[in-house]
Protein backbone atom coordinates (compact mmCIF):
# COMPACT_ATOMS: atom_id res chain seq x y z
CA MET A 1 -51.05 39.96 -13.81
CA GLU A 2 -51.57 36.81 -11.76
CA LYS A 3 -51.34 38.84 -8.60
CA TRP A 4 -54.41 40.87 -9.58
CA THR A 5 -56.59 37.95 -10.70
CA GLU A 6 -57.18 37.08 -7.04
CA TYR A 7 -59.10 40.33 -6.63
CA ASN A 8 -62.21 39.69 -8.70
CA GLU A 9 -64.32 41.32 -6.03
CA PRO A 10 -63.05 44.77 -5.07
CA LYS A 11 -62.78 45.31 -1.35
CA ARG A 12 -64.73 48.14 0.19
CA LEU A 13 -62.69 50.46 2.32
CA ARG A 14 -64.37 51.26 5.59
CA LYS A 15 -62.15 54.24 6.24
CA PHE A 16 -61.71 57.39 4.21
CA VAL A 17 -58.18 57.34 2.74
CA SER A 18 -56.15 60.38 1.67
CA LEU A 19 -52.70 60.62 0.14
CA PHE A 20 -50.40 63.61 0.70
CA VAL A 21 -47.26 63.69 -1.44
CA SER A 22 -44.46 66.23 -0.85
CA PRO A 23 -43.48 68.37 -3.89
CA THR A 24 -40.51 66.18 -4.92
CA ALA A 25 -42.07 62.99 -3.50
CA LYS A 26 -39.44 62.80 -0.76
CA TYR A 27 -42.25 61.95 1.67
CA VAL A 28 -45.68 60.42 1.23
CA ALA A 29 -48.32 60.40 3.95
CA VAL A 30 -51.21 57.94 3.79
CA ALA A 31 -54.12 58.90 6.02
CA ALA A 32 -56.71 56.23 6.84
CA GLY A 33 -59.20 57.18 9.48
CA ASN A 34 -57.39 58.86 12.36
CA ARG A 35 -54.02 57.32 11.48
CA ILE A 36 -51.32 58.77 9.24
CA THR A 37 -48.46 56.61 7.97
CA ILE A 38 -45.44 58.46 6.60
CA LEU A 39 -43.31 56.78 3.94
CA SER A 40 -39.93 57.92 2.62
CA LYS A 41 -38.39 57.86 -0.84
CA GLU A 42 -35.10 56.71 0.79
CA ASP A 43 -36.36 53.12 1.05
CA ASP A 44 -38.63 53.28 -2.00
CA TYR A 45 -41.70 53.75 0.24
CA GLN A 46 -41.43 50.13 1.36
CA GLN A 47 -41.67 50.61 5.14
CA SER A 48 -43.39 53.12 7.34
CA TYR A 49 -41.01 55.84 8.38
CA ALA A 50 -43.35 57.14 11.08
CA ILE A 51 -46.93 56.75 12.27
CA PHE A 52 -49.18 59.41 13.78
CA ASN A 53 -52.41 58.43 15.55
CA SER A 54 -54.87 61.16 16.41
CA SER A 55 -56.72 60.79 19.70
CA ASP A 56 -59.87 61.96 17.90
CA LEU A 57 -61.78 59.55 15.70
CA GLY A 58 -61.95 61.98 12.77
CA THR A 59 -60.48 61.47 9.32
CA PHE A 60 -57.92 63.58 7.45
CA SER A 61 -58.91 64.85 4.01
CA VAL A 62 -56.92 68.08 3.59
CA GLY A 63 -53.15 68.31 3.85
CA ALA A 64 -49.89 69.64 2.45
CA TRP A 65 -46.17 69.16 2.95
CA SER A 66 -43.56 71.81 3.63
CA GLU A 67 -40.81 69.65 2.21
CA ASP A 68 -37.86 71.90 3.11
CA ASP A 69 -39.03 71.94 6.73
CA GLU A 70 -40.11 68.27 6.66
CA ILE A 71 -43.48 69.25 8.14
CA LEU A 72 -46.87 67.86 7.16
CA GLY A 73 -49.89 70.07 7.75
CA VAL A 74 -53.20 68.17 7.89
CA VAL A 75 -56.79 68.99 8.77
CA ASP A 76 -59.28 66.54 10.23
CA ASP A 77 -63.04 66.59 9.67
CA SER A 78 -63.56 68.71 12.81
CA ASP A 79 -61.32 71.37 11.19
CA THR A 80 -58.48 70.84 13.66
CA LEU A 81 -55.07 71.55 12.14
CA TYR A 82 -52.10 69.31 12.97
CA PHE A 83 -48.52 70.12 12.05
CA ILE A 84 -46.48 66.92 12.14
CA LYS A 85 -42.74 66.38 11.66
CA PHE A 86 -41.65 63.67 9.22
CA ASN A 87 -40.87 61.46 12.24
CA GLY A 88 -44.51 61.54 13.40
CA GLU A 89 -44.03 64.07 16.21
CA VAL A 90 -46.77 66.71 16.50
CA VAL A 91 -45.34 70.23 16.44
CA ALA A 92 -48.64 72.09 16.85
CA GLU A 93 -52.37 71.40 17.02
CA ILE A 94 -54.83 74.23 16.34
CA THR A 95 -58.61 73.94 16.68
CA LYS A 96 -61.21 75.70 14.55
CA LYS A 97 -62.13 77.79 17.59
CA HIS A 98 -58.57 79.11 17.91
CA LEU A 99 -58.44 79.91 14.20
CA LYS A 100 -61.64 81.94 14.62
CA ILE A 101 -63.18 80.59 11.43
CA SER A 102 -66.83 79.74 10.93
CA SER A 103 -66.62 77.74 7.68
CA SER A 104 -64.94 74.42 7.03
CA ILE A 105 -61.35 74.22 5.77
CA VAL A 106 -61.15 73.17 2.10
CA GLY A 107 -57.49 73.87 1.35
CA LEU A 108 -54.09 74.06 2.95
CA TYR A 109 -50.72 74.78 1.42
CA SER A 110 -47.20 75.57 2.53
CA ASP A 111 -45.95 78.99 1.54
CA ASN A 112 -42.50 79.06 3.06
CA ASP A 113 -39.74 81.27 1.76
CA SER A 114 -36.40 79.50 1.65
CA ASP A 115 -34.93 82.51 3.50
CA MET A 116 -37.13 81.96 6.55
CA HIS A 117 -35.07 80.14 9.17
CA GLU A 118 -36.96 80.90 12.36
CA SER A 119 -40.43 79.75 11.36
CA TYR A 120 -42.55 78.05 8.73
CA SER A 121 -45.97 79.01 7.48
CA PHE A 122 -49.05 77.47 5.94
CA THR A 123 -52.09 79.10 4.38
CA VAL A 124 -55.61 77.90 5.17
CA ILE A 125 -58.53 78.34 2.74
CA THR A 126 -62.10 77.97 4.02
CA SER A 127 -65.31 77.28 2.11
CA ASP A 128 -66.46 80.90 2.54
CA GLY A 129 -63.34 82.06 0.67
CA SER A 130 -61.35 83.19 3.70
CA ILE A 131 -57.58 82.92 3.49
CA GLN A 132 -55.53 82.89 6.66
CA GLN A 133 -51.78 82.49 6.94
CA ILE A 134 -50.39 80.73 10.00
CA GLU A 135 -46.78 81.08 11.09
CA ILE A 136 -45.22 78.69 13.59
CA SER A 137 -41.77 79.18 15.11
CA TYR A 138 -39.21 76.38 15.05
CA GLY A 139 -38.71 74.77 18.42
CA GLN A 140 -42.15 75.87 19.50
CA GLY A 141 -43.76 73.23 21.69
CA LEU A 142 -47.41 72.32 21.90
CA ALA A 143 -47.73 74.51 24.98
CA THR A 144 -46.93 77.68 23.05
CA PHE A 145 -49.54 79.01 20.69
CA PRO A 146 -48.62 79.70 17.05
CA LYS A 147 -48.00 83.24 15.91
CA TYR A 148 -50.62 84.38 13.35
CA ILE A 149 -50.17 86.82 10.52
CA CYS A 150 -53.62 88.36 10.63
CA ASN A 151 -52.96 91.10 8.10
CA HIS A 152 -52.81 88.45 5.36
CA ARG A 153 -56.43 87.50 5.96
CA SER A 154 -58.41 88.10 2.79
CA HIS A 155 -61.26 86.61 0.78
CA LEU A 156 -61.42 84.75 -2.51
CA ARG A 157 -64.98 83.80 -3.38
CA ASN A 158 -67.92 82.35 -1.48
CA ASN A 159 -68.82 78.65 -1.63
CA VAL A 160 -65.31 77.36 -2.35
CA PHE A 161 -65.28 73.57 -2.49
CA CYS A 162 -62.18 72.67 -4.48
CA PHE A 163 -58.69 74.12 -4.43
CA ASP A 164 -55.18 73.47 -5.76
CA HIS A 165 -51.88 75.33 -5.59
CA HIS A 166 -48.80 75.33 -7.85
CA HIS A 167 -45.84 76.32 -5.69
CA GLU A 168 -43.28 77.11 -8.40
CA LEU A 169 -45.61 79.36 -10.41
CA ASN A 170 -47.24 80.88 -7.31
CA LEU A 171 -50.67 80.19 -8.76
CA PHE A 172 -53.73 78.57 -7.35
CA VAL A 173 -57.07 77.53 -8.74
CA VAL A 174 -60.36 77.64 -6.91
CA VAL A 175 -63.67 76.05 -7.89
CA HIS A 176 -66.68 77.71 -6.32
CA THR A 177 -70.39 78.04 -6.95
CA LYS A 178 -72.16 81.22 -7.98
CA SER A 179 -75.89 81.36 -8.73
CA GLY A 180 -75.99 77.57 -9.01
CA MET A 181 -73.13 77.41 -11.52
CA TYR A 182 -69.61 76.08 -11.02
CA VAL A 183 -66.98 78.76 -11.54
CA LEU A 184 -63.25 78.24 -11.95
CA GLY A 185 -60.95 81.02 -10.74
CA LEU A 186 -57.21 81.30 -11.32
CA PHE A 187 -55.30 83.52 -8.90
CA SER A 188 -51.73 84.64 -8.31
CA GLN A 189 -49.99 84.39 -4.96
CA LEU A 190 -50.94 88.01 -4.30
CA PHE A 191 -54.59 86.97 -4.52
CA ALA A 192 -55.26 89.12 -7.56
CA LYS A 193 -57.47 87.40 -10.10
CA LEU A 194 -55.73 86.72 -13.41
CA GLU A 195 -57.48 87.80 -16.58
């Protein structure tokens, strides 16, 4: 307790901070401003395993791990997607323009099948309810553009502002507004609303 008595006045953070934890907590990414620090369970999260610095001055507020692939997907406030290996190396960077979306990204999750060995995929959810799955091949450099699965593009609800996904149960919850009211929707992986 003595350690905490020194902090009578809480410090104000000048940077927006986000925390992205992989499903089994093997990796933790701490995003502060345009910098992401990756920590590993191997050393009890004591030292930074890798650091990624974005050349843009944006902040990261949306992200998800594909733990089996050791890939972190994150979105900055300009809606640019970054796919980063656990060692801090950028695998792919995709701008909002290339995604062909008009609304801001509010959710991102990994939806890899353990049988997929040639690629990994993430699903993007936008505030207008659009869902778009992105597939990226292993070994693909930044020069090659990701392969998209456009036929998985569908819509949830308009005005989505909060989202969460449960990987094991293949369920996700969406909070959206309708006629000025907050509405909670529970959906299955197949995007069919549950009764």
